[in-house]
């Protein structure tokens, strides 16, 4: 059996402070959110680009 370790490399942040007041779907008026990566991960992520679908 193979095993592997999952390690968080960042967090998701937003201005939402009360999870109970969060809309269930993004199109229901959810506030913006952004990713914050650990500094030691930045060099490896530098060439990534976002794609809008």
N, C-alpha and C. Protein backbone atom coordinates (compact mmCIF):
# COMPACT_ATOMS: atom_id res chain seq x y z
N UNK A 1 0.84 -1.18 0.00
CA UNK A 1 0.00 0.00 0.00
C UNK A 1 0.89 1.24 0.00
N UNK A 2 0.59 2.18 -0.90
CA UNK A 2 1.33 3.43 -0.93
C UNK A 2 0.71 4.43 0.02
N UNK A 3 1.56 5.24 0.59
CA UNK A 3 1.08 6.32 1.43
C UNK A 3 1.71 7.62 0.94
N UNK A 4 1.08 8.70 1.24
CA UNK A 4 1.64 9.99 0.90
C UNK A 4 1.17 11.01 1.93
N UNK A 5 1.90 12.07 2.01
CA UNK A 5 1.61 13.13 2.97
C UNK A 5 1.09 14.35 2.22
N UNK A 6 0.02 14.92 2.72
CA UNK A 6 -0.54 16.14 2.15
C UNK A 6 -0.19 17.28 3.10
N UNK A 7 0.41 18.32 2.55
CA UNK A 7 0.81 19.46 3.37
C UNK A 7 0.22 20.73 2.77
N UNK A 8 -0.43 21.52 3.59
CA UNK A 8 -1.00 22.78 3.12
C UNK A 8 0.14 23.72 2.72
N UNK A 9 -0.04 24.37 1.57
CA UNK A 9 0.97 25.33 1.11
C UNK A 9 0.43 26.75 1.14
N UNK A 10 -0.76 26.91 1.69
CA UNK A 10 -1.36 28.23 1.77
C UNK A 10 -2.76 28.15 2.35
N UNK A 11 -3.45 29.27 2.29
CA UNK A 11 -4.80 29.35 2.82
C UNK A 11 -5.68 30.16 1.87
N UNK A 12 -6.99 30.04 2.05
CA UNK A 12 -7.95 30.86 1.34
C UNK A 12 -8.44 31.90 2.33
N UNK A 13 -8.42 33.16 1.93
CA UNK A 13 -8.89 34.23 2.81
C UNK A 13 -10.00 35.02 2.12
N UNK A 14 -10.87 35.62 2.93
CA UNK A 14 -11.92 36.51 2.41
C UNK A 14 -12.35 37.43 3.55
N UNK A 15 -13.24 38.35 3.22
CA UNK A 15 -13.75 39.26 4.23
C UNK A 15 -14.91 38.64 5.00
N UNK A 16 -15.33 37.45 4.62
CA UNK A 16 -16.41 36.75 5.31
C UNK A 16 -15.93 36.34 6.70
N UNK A 17 -16.66 36.75 7.72
CA UNK A 17 -16.24 36.44 9.09
C UNK A 17 -17.15 35.45 9.79
N UNK A 18 -18.37 35.25 9.27
CA UNK A 18 -19.33 34.33 9.89
C UNK A 18 -19.74 33.27 8.88
N UNK A 19 -19.21 32.05 9.01
CA UNK A 19 -19.55 31.00 8.05
C UNK A 19 -21.06 30.76 7.94
N UNK A 20 -21.81 30.99 8.99
CA UNK A 20 -23.25 30.80 8.96
C UNK A 20 -23.97 31.76 8.03
N UNK A 21 -23.36 32.90 7.75
CA UNK A 21 -23.98 33.88 6.86
C UNK A 21 -23.50 33.74 5.42
N UNK A 22 -22.65 32.78 5.16
CA UNK A 22 -22.12 32.58 3.81
C UNK A 22 -23.19 32.04 2.88
N UNK A 23 -23.27 32.58 1.67
CA UNK A 23 -24.22 32.02 0.70
C UNK A 23 -23.78 30.60 0.31
N UNK A 24 -24.73 29.79 -0.07
CA UNK A 24 -24.41 28.40 -0.45
C UNK A 24 -23.75 28.32 -1.82
N UNK A 25 -23.99 29.28 -2.68
CA UNK A 25 -23.42 29.29 -4.02
C UNK A 25 -22.73 30.63 -4.26
N UNK A 26 -21.68 30.62 -5.06
CA UNK A 26 -20.91 31.84 -5.32
C UNK A 26 -21.74 32.92 -6.00
N UNK A 27 -22.73 32.53 -6.80
CA UNK A 27 -23.54 33.52 -7.50
C UNK A 27 -24.66 34.10 -6.64
N UNK A 28 -24.65 33.80 -5.35
CA UNK A 28 -25.65 34.34 -4.42
C UNK A 28 -25.08 35.50 -3.62
N UNK A 29 -24.07 36.18 -4.14
CA UNK A 29 -23.52 37.36 -3.48
C UNK A 29 -22.36 37.09 -2.55
N UNK A 30 -21.62 36.04 -2.79
CA UNK A 30 -20.47 35.73 -1.93
C UNK A 30 -19.41 36.81 -2.09
N UNK A 31 -18.72 37.15 -1.00
CA UNK A 31 -17.62 38.12 -1.12
C UNK A 31 -16.44 37.49 -1.84
N UNK A 32 -15.56 38.31 -2.34
CA UNK A 32 -14.36 37.82 -3.01
C UNK A 32 -13.49 37.02 -2.06
N UNK A 33 -12.67 36.17 -2.61
CA UNK A 33 -11.72 35.38 -1.82
C UNK A 33 -10.40 35.33 -2.59
N UNK A 34 -9.33 35.06 -1.88
CA UNK A 34 -8.02 35.01 -2.53
C UNK A 34 -7.17 33.96 -1.84
N UNK A 35 -6.13 33.51 -2.54
CA UNK A 35 -5.21 32.51 -2.01
C UNK A 35 -3.98 33.22 -1.45
N UNK A 36 -3.52 32.75 -0.30
CA UNK A 36 -2.29 33.26 0.32
C UNK A 36 -1.37 32.07 0.51
N UNK A 37 -0.25 32.08 -0.21
CA UNK A 37 0.69 30.96 -0.16
C UNK A 37 1.81 31.20 0.83
N UNK A 38 2.32 30.11 1.37
CA UNK A 38 3.48 30.17 2.25
C UNK A 38 4.66 30.73 1.44
N UNK A 39 5.47 31.60 2.02
CA UNK A 39 6.58 32.23 1.28
C UNK A 39 7.52 31.24 0.61
N UNK A 40 7.80 30.11 1.24
CA UNK A 40 8.74 29.15 0.65
C UNK A 40 8.16 28.45 -0.59
N UNK A 41 6.87 28.61 -0.88
CA UNK A 41 6.25 28.00 -2.06
C UNK A 41 6.23 28.94 -3.26
N UNK A 42 6.50 30.22 -3.07
CA UNK A 42 6.32 31.21 -4.11
C UNK A 42 7.17 30.98 -5.35
N UNK A 43 8.41 30.57 -5.21
CA UNK A 43 9.27 30.36 -6.38
C UNK A 43 8.68 29.27 -7.28
N UNK A 44 8.19 28.21 -6.71
CA UNK A 44 7.60 27.12 -7.50
C UNK A 44 6.27 27.49 -8.14
N UNK A 45 5.59 28.48 -7.59
CA UNK A 45 4.29 28.89 -8.12
C UNK A 45 4.39 30.08 -9.09
N UNK A 46 5.55 30.66 -9.21
CA UNK A 46 5.74 31.90 -9.96
C UNK A 46 5.24 31.83 -11.40
N UNK A 47 5.37 30.70 -12.08
CA UNK A 47 4.99 30.63 -13.48
C UNK A 47 3.54 30.20 -13.71
N UNK A 48 2.78 29.96 -12.64
CA UNK A 48 1.37 29.59 -12.80
C UNK A 48 0.54 30.79 -13.25
N UNK A 49 -0.48 30.52 -14.03
CA UNK A 49 -1.37 31.57 -14.50
C UNK A 49 -2.81 31.16 -14.24
N UNK A 50 -3.68 32.12 -13.98
CA UNK A 50 -5.09 31.81 -13.79
C UNK A 50 -5.77 31.68 -15.15
N UNK A 51 -6.81 30.88 -15.20
CA UNK A 51 -7.57 30.68 -16.43
C UNK A 51 -9.04 30.91 -16.10
N UNK A 52 -9.66 31.84 -16.83
CA UNK A 52 -11.10 32.07 -16.65
C UNK A 52 -11.85 31.13 -17.56
N UNK A 53 -12.86 30.53 -17.03
CA UNK A 53 -13.70 29.61 -17.84
C UNK A 53 -15.09 30.11 -17.92
